[in-house]
PDB file of all heavy atoms in Angstrom:
ATOM      1  N   THR A   1      98.084  86.615  97.588  1.00  0.00           N
ATOM      2  CA  THR A   1      97.555  87.312  98.758  1.00  0.00           C
ATOM      3  C   THR A   1      98.123  88.722  98.791  1.00  0.00           C
ATOM      4  O   THR A   1      99.325  88.905  99.011  1.00  0.00           O
ATOM      5  CB  THR A   1      97.922  86.557 100.051  1.00  0.00           C
ATOM      6  OG1 THR A   1      97.420  85.223  99.940  1.00  0.00           O
ATOM      7  CG2 THR A   1      97.339  87.228 101.271  1.00  0.00           C
ATOM      8  N   LEU A   2      97.276  89.713  98.556  1.00  0.00           N
ATOM      9  CA  LEU A   2      97.716  91.101  98.423  1.00  0.00           C
ATOM     10  C   LEU A   2      98.483  91.588  99.657  1.00  0.00           C
ATOM     11  O   LEU A   2      99.477  92.309  99.526  1.00  0.00           O
ATOM     12  CB  LEU A   2      96.517  92.006  98.149  1.00  0.00           C
ATOM     13  CG  LEU A   2      96.819  93.458  97.804  1.00  0.00           C
ATOM     14  CD1 LEU A   2      97.721  93.563  96.572  1.00  0.00           C
ATOM     15  CD2 LEU A   2      95.530  94.228  97.588  1.00  0.00           C
ATOM     16  N   SER A   3      98.073  91.164 100.841  1.00  0.00           N
ATOM     17  CA  SER A   3      98.739  91.640 102.064  1.00  0.00           C
ATOM     18  C   SER A   3     100.165  91.112 102.208  1.00  0.00           C
ATOM     19  O   SER A   3     100.931  91.618 103.018  1.00  0.00           O
ATOM     20  CB  SER A   3      97.919  91.266 103.296  1.00  0.00           C
ATOM     21  OG  SER A   3      97.785  89.865 103.401  1.00  0.00           O
ATOM     22  N   GLN A   4     100.537  90.113 101.422  1.00  0.00           N
ATOM     23  CA  GLN A   4     101.921  89.651 101.431  1.00  0.00           C
ATOM     24  C   GLN A   4     102.811  90.522 100.550  1.00  0.00           C
ATOM     25  O   GLN A   4     104.029  90.433 100.609  1.00  0.00           O
ATOM     26  CB  GLN A   4     102.000  88.194 100.976  1.00  0.00           C
ATOM     27  CG  GLN A   4     101.381  87.250 101.974  1.00  0.00           C
ATOM     28  CD  GLN A   4     101.409  85.809 101.515  1.00  0.00           C
ATOM     29  OE1 GLN A   4     101.569  85.501 100.338  1.00  0.00           O
ATOM     30  NE2 GLN A   4     101.234  84.907 102.450  1.00  0.00           N
ATOM     31  N   TRP A   5     102.202  91.354  99.737  1.00  0.00           N
ATOM     32  CA  TRP A   5     102.931  92.228  98.821  1.00  0.00           C
ATOM     33  C   TRP A   5     102.859  93.704  99.232  1.00  0.00           C
ATOM     34  O   TRP A   5     103.748  94.484  98.906  1.00  0.00           O
ATOM     35  CB  TRP A   5     102.361  92.100  97.414  1.00  0.00           C
ATOM     36  CG  TRP A   5     102.499  90.742  96.828  1.00  0.00           C
ATOM     37  CD1 TRP A   5     101.764  89.624  97.149  1.00  0.00           C
ATOM     38  CD2 TRP A   5     103.419  90.320  95.841  1.00  0.00           C
ATOM     39  NE1 TRP A   5     102.179  88.557  96.406  1.00  0.00           N
ATOM     40  CE2 TRP A   5     103.195  88.952  95.580  1.00  0.00           C
ATOM     41  CE3 TRP A   5     104.415  90.963  95.131  1.00  0.00           C
ATOM     42  CZ2 TRP A   5     103.924  88.235  94.662  1.00  0.00           C
ATOM     43  CZ3 TRP A   5     105.135  90.251  94.208  1.00  0.00           C
ATOM     44  CH2 TRP A   5     104.898  88.893  93.979  1.00  0.00           C
ATOM     45  N   VAL A   6     101.785  94.066  99.938  1.00  0.00           N
ATOM     46  CA  VAL A   6     101.527  95.475 100.250  1.00  0.00           C
ATOM     47  C   VAL A   6     101.277  95.635 101.751  1.00  0.00           C
ATOM     48  O   VAL A   6     100.466  94.906 102.327  1.00  0.00           O
ATOM     49  CB  VAL A   6     100.291  95.994  99.476  1.00  0.00           C
ATOM     50  CG1 VAL A   6     100.003  97.453  99.823  1.00  0.00           C
ATOM     51  CG2 VAL A   6     100.476  95.829  97.972  1.00  0.00           C
ATOM     52  N   THR A   7     101.981  96.589 102.366  1.00  0.00           N
ATOM     53  CA  THR A   7     101.715  96.941 103.758  1.00  0.00           C
ATOM     54  C   THR A   7     101.339  98.418 103.831  1.00  0.00           C
ATOM     55  O   THR A   7     101.871  99.243 103.075  1.00  0.00           O
ATOM     56  CB  THR A   7     102.913  96.662 104.676  1.00  0.00           C
ATOM     57  OG1 THR A   7     104.054  97.388 104.190  1.00  0.00           O
ATOM     58  CG2 THR A   7     103.238  95.192 104.737  1.00  0.00           C
ATOM     59  N   VAL A   8     100.432  98.719 104.737  1.00  0.00           N
ATOM     60  CA  VAL A   8      99.928 100.082 104.890  1.00  0.00           C
ATOM     61  C   VAL A   8     100.010 100.466 106.357  1.00  0.00           C
ATOM     62  O   VAL A   8      99.583  99.706 107.228  1.00  0.00           O
ATOM     63  CB  VAL A   8      98.461 100.188 104.399  1.00  0.00           C
ATOM     64  CG1 VAL A   8      97.946 101.617 104.544  1.00  0.00           C
ATOM     65  CG2 VAL A   8      98.330  99.706 102.956  1.00  0.00           C
ATOM     66  N   ALA A   9     100.561 101.637 106.624  1.00  0.00           N
ATOM     67  CA  ALA A   9     100.644 102.143 107.997  1.00  0.00           C
ATOM     68  C   ALA A   9     100.146 103.586 108.013  1.00  0.00           C
ATOM     69  O   ALA A   9     100.606 104.419 107.234  1.00  0.00           O
ATOM     70  CB  ALA A   9     102.081 102.069 108.503  1.00  0.00           C
ATOM     71  N   THR A  10      99.197 103.867 108.900  1.00  0.00           N
ATOM     72  CA  THR A  10      98.675 105.225 109.040  1.00  0.00           C
ATOM     73  C   THR A  10      99.279 105.875 110.277  1.00  0.00           C
ATOM     74  O   THR A  10      99.930 105.225 111.091  1.00  0.00           O
ATOM     75  CB  THR A  10      97.141 105.215 109.141  1.00  0.00           C
ATOM     76  OG1 THR A  10      96.757 104.413 110.257  1.00  0.00           O
ATOM     77  CG2 THR A  10      96.504 104.674 107.875  1.00  0.00           C
ATOM     78  N   GLY A  11      99.076 107.178 110.405  1.00  0.00           N
ATOM     79  CA  GLY A  11      99.596 107.901 111.556  1.00  0.00           C
ATOM     80  C   GLY A  11     101.105 108.026 111.554  1.00  0.00           C
ATOM     81  O   GLY A  11     101.724 108.177 112.608  1.00  0.00           O
ATOM     82  N   GLN A  12     101.695 107.988 110.391  1.00  0.00           N
ATOM     83  CA  GLN A  12     103.150 108.049 110.241  1.00  0.00           C
ATOM     84  C   GLN A  12     103.606 109.479 109.970  1.00  0.00           C
ATOM     85  O   GLN A  12     102.818 110.325 109.561  1.00  0.00           O
ATOM     86  CB  GLN A  12     103.587 107.158 109.078  1.00  0.00           C
ATOM     87  CG  GLN A  12     103.133 105.721 109.198  1.00  0.00           C
ATOM     88  CD  GLN A  12     103.792 105.018 110.357  1.00  0.00           C
ATOM     89  OE1 GLN A  12     105.012 104.914 110.416  1.00  0.00           O
ATOM     90  NE2 GLN A  12     102.987 104.537 111.285  1.00  0.00           N
ATOM     91  N   THR A  13     104.882 109.722 110.163  1.00  0.00           N
ATOM     92  CA  THR A  13     105.466 111.017 109.810  1.00  0.00           C
ATOM     93  C   THR A  13     106.207 110.858 108.492  1.00  0.00           C
ATOM     94  O   THR A  13     107.139 110.056 108.385  1.00  0.00           O
ATOM     95  CB  THR A  13     106.426 111.512 110.909  1.00  0.00           C
ATOM     96  OG1 THR A  13     105.687 111.639 112.128  1.00  0.00           O
ATOM     97  CG2 THR A  13     107.031 112.860 110.537  1.00  0.00           C
ATOM     98  N   ALA A  14     105.763 111.598 107.489  1.00  0.00           N
ATOM     99  CA  ALA A  14     106.366 111.539 106.152  1.00  0.00           C
ATOM    100  C   ALA A  14     107.798 112.050 106.188  1.00  0.00           C
ATOM    101  O   ALA A  14     108.191 112.761 107.124  1.00  0.00           O
ATOM    102  CB  ALA A  14     105.524 112.355 105.169  1.00  0.00           C
ATOM    103  N   PRO A  15     108.600 111.701 105.173  1.00  0.00           N
ATOM    104  CA  PRO A  15     110.001 112.138 105.147  1.00  0.00           C
ATOM    105  C   PRO A  15     110.196 113.645 105.285  1.00  0.00           C
ATOM    106  O   PRO A  15     111.212 114.095 105.793  1.00  0.00           O
ATOM    107  CB  PRO A  15     110.496 111.648 103.782  1.00  0.00           C
ATOM    108  CG  PRO A  15     109.648 110.469 103.489  1.00  0.00           C
ATOM    109  CD  PRO A  15     108.292 110.818 104.051  1.00  0.00           C
ATOM    110  N   ASN A  16     109.212 114.424 104.857  1.00  0.00           N
ATOM    111  CA  ASN A  16     109.351 115.881 104.959  1.00  0.00           C
ATOM    112  C   ASN A  16     108.864 116.418 106.303  1.00  0.00           C
ATOM    113  O   ASN A  16     108.808 117.614 106.508  1.00  0.00           O
ATOM    114  CB  ASN A  16     108.594 116.564 103.823  1.00  0.00           C
ATOM    115  CG  ASN A  16     107.105 116.299 103.893  1.00  0.00           C
ATOM    116  OD1 ASN A  16     106.621 115.597 104.773  1.00  0.00           O
ATOM    117  ND2 ASN A  16     106.372 116.854 102.953  1.00  0.00           N
ATOM    118  N   GLY A  17     108.455 115.505 107.222  1.00  0.00           N
ATOM    119  CA  GLY A  17     108.045 115.911 108.556  1.00  0.00           C
ATOM    120  C   GLY A  17     106.551 116.066 108.756  1.00  0.00           C
ATOM    121  O   GLY A  17     106.120 116.413 109.850  1.00  0.00           O
ATOM    122  N   THR A  18     105.750 115.825 107.722  1.00  0.00           N
ATOM    123  CA  THR A  18     104.304 115.962 107.856  1.00  0.00           C
ATOM    124  C   THR A  18     103.737 114.787 108.657  1.00  0.00           C
ATOM    125  O   THR A  18     103.872 113.633 108.264  1.00  0.00           O
ATOM    126  CB  THR A  18     103.612 116.014 106.476  1.00  0.00           C
ATOM    127  OG1 THR A  18     104.135 117.121 105.745  1.00  0.00           O
ATOM    128  CG2 THR A  18     102.115 116.174 106.610  1.00  0.00           C
ATOM    129  N   ALA A  19     103.108 115.115 109.784  1.00  0.00           N
ATOM    130  CA  ALA A  19     102.517 114.085 110.643  1.00  0.00           C
ATOM    131  C   ALA A  19     101.206 113.581 110.048  1.00  0.00           C
ATOM    132  O   ALA A  19     100.664 114.169 109.104  1.00  0.00           O
ATOM    133  CB  ALA A  19     102.269 114.661 112.029  1.00  0.00           C
ATOM    134  N   ASN A  20     100.694 112.500 110.628  1.00  0.00           N
ATOM    135  CA  ASN A  20      99.415 111.913 110.223  1.00  0.00           C
ATOM    136  C   ASN A  20      99.371 111.606 108.739  1.00  0.00           C
ATOM    137  O   ASN A  20      98.413 111.946 108.043  1.00  0.00           O
ATOM    138  CB  ASN A  20      98.250 112.811 110.637  1.00  0.00           C
ATOM    139  CG  ASN A  20      98.129 112.885 112.138  1.00  0.00           C
ATOM    140  OD1 ASN A  20      98.260 111.875 112.820  1.00  0.00           O
ATOM    141  ND2 ASN A  20      97.914 114.069 112.652  1.00  0.00           N
ATOM    142  N   SER A  21     100.411 110.978 108.254  1.00  0.00           N
ATOM    143  CA  SER A  21     100.502 110.570 106.860  1.00  0.00           C
ATOM    144  C   SER A  21     100.378 109.055 106.775  1.00  0.00           C
ATOM    145  O   SER A  21     100.493 108.349 107.776  1.00  0.00           O
ATOM    146  CB  SER A  21     101.839 111.022 106.261  1.00  0.00           C
ATOM    147  OG  SER A  21     101.937 112.435 106.261  1.00  0.00           O
ATOM    148  N   THR A  22     100.130 108.557 105.571  1.00  0.00           N
ATOM    149  CA  THR A  22     100.027 107.118 105.342  1.00  0.00           C
ATOM    150  C   THR A  22     101.229 106.664 104.533  1.00  0.00           C
ATOM    151  O   THR A  22     101.598 107.300 103.546  1.00  0.00           O
ATOM    152  CB  THR A  22      98.728 106.767 104.593  1.00  0.00           C
ATOM    153  OG1 THR A  22      97.614 107.113 105.425  1.00  0.00           O
ATOM    154  CG2 THR A  22      98.653 105.288 104.257  1.00  0.00           C
ATOM    155  N   LYS A  23     101.810 105.548 104.958  1.00  0.00           N
ATOM    156  CA  LYS A  23     102.952 104.950 104.267  1.00  0.00           C
ATOM    157  C   LYS A  23     102.511 103.614 103.677  1.00  0.00           C
ATOM    158  O   LYS A  23     102.073 102.714 104.398  1.00  0.00           O
ATOM    159  CB  LYS A  23     104.103 104.729 105.254  1.00  0.00           C
ATOM    160  CG  LYS A  23     105.326 104.082 104.646  1.00  0.00           C
ATOM    161  CD  LYS A  23     106.390 103.848 105.721  1.00  0.00           C
ATOM    162  CE  LYS A  23     107.633 103.206 105.139  1.00  0.00           C
ATOM    163  NZ  LYS A  23     108.627 102.935 106.202  1.00  0.00           N
ATOM    164  N   ILE A  24     102.642 103.483 102.360  1.00  0.00           N
ATOM    165  CA  ILE A  24     102.294 102.247 101.661  1.00  0.00           C
ATOM    166  C   ILE A  24     103.582 101.690 101.069  1.00  0.00           C
ATOM    167  O   ILE A  24     104.279 102.384 100.328  1.00  0.00           O
ATOM    168  CB  ILE A  24     101.270 102.510 100.543  1.00  0.00           C
ATOM    169  CG1 ILE A  24     100.009 103.138 101.138  1.00  0.00           C
ATOM    170  CG2 ILE A  24     100.949 101.221  99.789  1.00  0.00           C
ATOM    171  CD1 ILE A  24      99.047 103.681 100.113  1.00  0.00           C
ATOM    172  N   THR A  25     103.905 100.454 101.432  1.00  0.00           N
ATOM    173  CA  THR A  25     105.127  99.823 100.941  1.00  0.00           C
ATOM    174  C   THR A  25     104.751  98.620 100.098  1.00  0.00           C
ATOM    175  O   THR A  25     104.001  97.755 100.541  1.00  0.00           O
ATOM    176  CB  THR A  25     106.034  99.397 102.105  1.00  0.00           C
ATOM    177  OG1 THR A  25     106.281 100.532 102.942  1.00  0.00           O
ATOM    178  CG2 THR A  25     107.360  98.851 101.591  1.00  0.00           C
ATOM    179  N   ILE A  26     105.287  98.575  98.883  1.00  0.00           N
ATOM    180  CA  ILE A  26     105.029  97.477  97.955  1.00  0.00           C
ATOM    181  C   ILE A  26     106.312  96.683  97.771  1.00  0.00           C
ATOM    182  O   ILE A  26     107.360  97.246  97.444  1.00  0.00           O
ATOM    183  CB  ILE A  26     104.530  97.992  96.581  1.00  0.00           C
ATOM    184  CG1 ILE A  26     103.217  98.758  96.757  1.00  0.00           C
ATOM    185  CG2 ILE A  26     104.330  96.849  95.601  1.00  0.00           C
ATOM    186  CD1 ILE A  26     103.368 100.227  96.670  1.00  0.00           C
ATOM    187  N   ASP A  27     106.218  95.375  98.007  1.00  0.00           N
ATOM    188  CA  ASP A  27     107.335  94.452  97.770  1.00  0.00           C
ATOM    189  C   ASP A  27     107.286  94.095  96.283  1.00  0.00           C
ATOM    190  O   ASP A  27     106.571  93.192  95.877  1.00  0.00           O
ATOM    191  CB  ASP A  27     107.177  93.216  98.646  1.00  0.00           C
ATOM    192  CG  ASP A  27     108.246  92.174  98.389  1.00  0.00           C
ATOM    193  OD1 ASP A  27     109.229  92.463  97.687  1.00  0.00           O
ATOM    194  OD2 ASP A  27     108.089  91.048  98.897  1.00  0.00           O
ATOM    195  N   VAL A  28     108.028  94.816  95.482  1.00  0.00           N
ATOM    196  CA  VAL A  28     107.908  94.725  94.024  1.00  0.00           C
ATOM    197  C   VAL A  28     108.330  93.370  93.475  1.00  0.00           C
ATOM    198  O   VAL A  28     107.687  92.808  92.593  1.00  0.00           O
ATOM    199  CB  VAL A  28     108.701  95.864  93.345  1.00  0.00           C
ATOM    200  CG1 VAL A  28     108.661  95.729  91.833  1.00  0.00           C
ATOM    201  CG2 VAL A  28     108.153  97.211  93.778  1.00  0.00           C
ATOM    202  N   ASP A  29     109.427  92.818  93.993  1.00  0.00           N
ATOM    203  CA  ASP A  29     109.904  91.561  93.421  1.00  0.00           C
ATOM    204  C   ASP A  29     109.309  90.326  94.087  1.00  0.00           C
ATOM    205  O   ASP A  29     109.532  89.204  93.643  1.00  0.00           O
ATOM    206  CB  ASP A  29     111.432  91.484  93.433  1.00  0.00           C
ATOM    207  CG  ASP A  29     112.027  91.544  94.819  1.00  0.00           C
ATOM    208  OD1 ASP A  29     111.270  91.532  95.810  1.00  0.00           O
ATOM    209  OD2 ASP A  29     113.261  91.604  94.916  1.00  0.00           O
ATOM    210  N   GLY A  30     108.556  90.536  95.161  1.00  0.00           N
ATOM    211  CA  GLY A  30     107.856  89.431  95.789  1.00  0.00           C
ATOM    212  C   GLY A  30     108.703  88.484  96.608  1.00  0.00           C
ATOM    213  O   GLY A  30     108.246  87.416  96.988  1.00  0.00           O
ATOM    214  N   ILE A  31     109.950  88.880  96.906  1.00  0.00           N
ATOM    215  CA  ILE A  31     110.796  87.940  97.654  1.00  0.00           C
ATOM    216  C   ILE A  31     111.105  88.421  99.064  1.00  0.00           C
ATOM    217  O   ILE A  31     111.998  87.904  99.708  1.00  0.00           O
ATOM    218  CB  ILE A  31     112.100  87.603  96.896  1.00  0.00           C
ATOM    219  CG1 ILE A  31     112.944  88.840  96.626  1.00  0.00           C
ATOM    220  CG2 ILE A  31     111.798  86.862  95.621  1.00  0.00           C
ATOM    221  CD1 ILE A  31     114.311  88.529  96.030  1.00  0.00           C
ATOM    222  N   GLY A  32     110.360  89.395  99.536  1.00  0.00           N
ATOM    223  CA  GLY A  32     110.496  89.783 100.927  1.00  0.00           C
ATOM    224  C   GLY A  32     111.071  91.160 101.140  1.00  0.00           C
ATOM    225  O   GLY A  32     111.540  91.824 100.214  1.00  0.00           O
TER     226      GLY A  32
END
């Protein structure tokens, strides 16, 4: 199930301060 490995959040502020950015987090090892 892809959604158990990948989460996506929009409307985020990037590390450099840019608003309205998208953050995609991948659980690489699959253990949480």
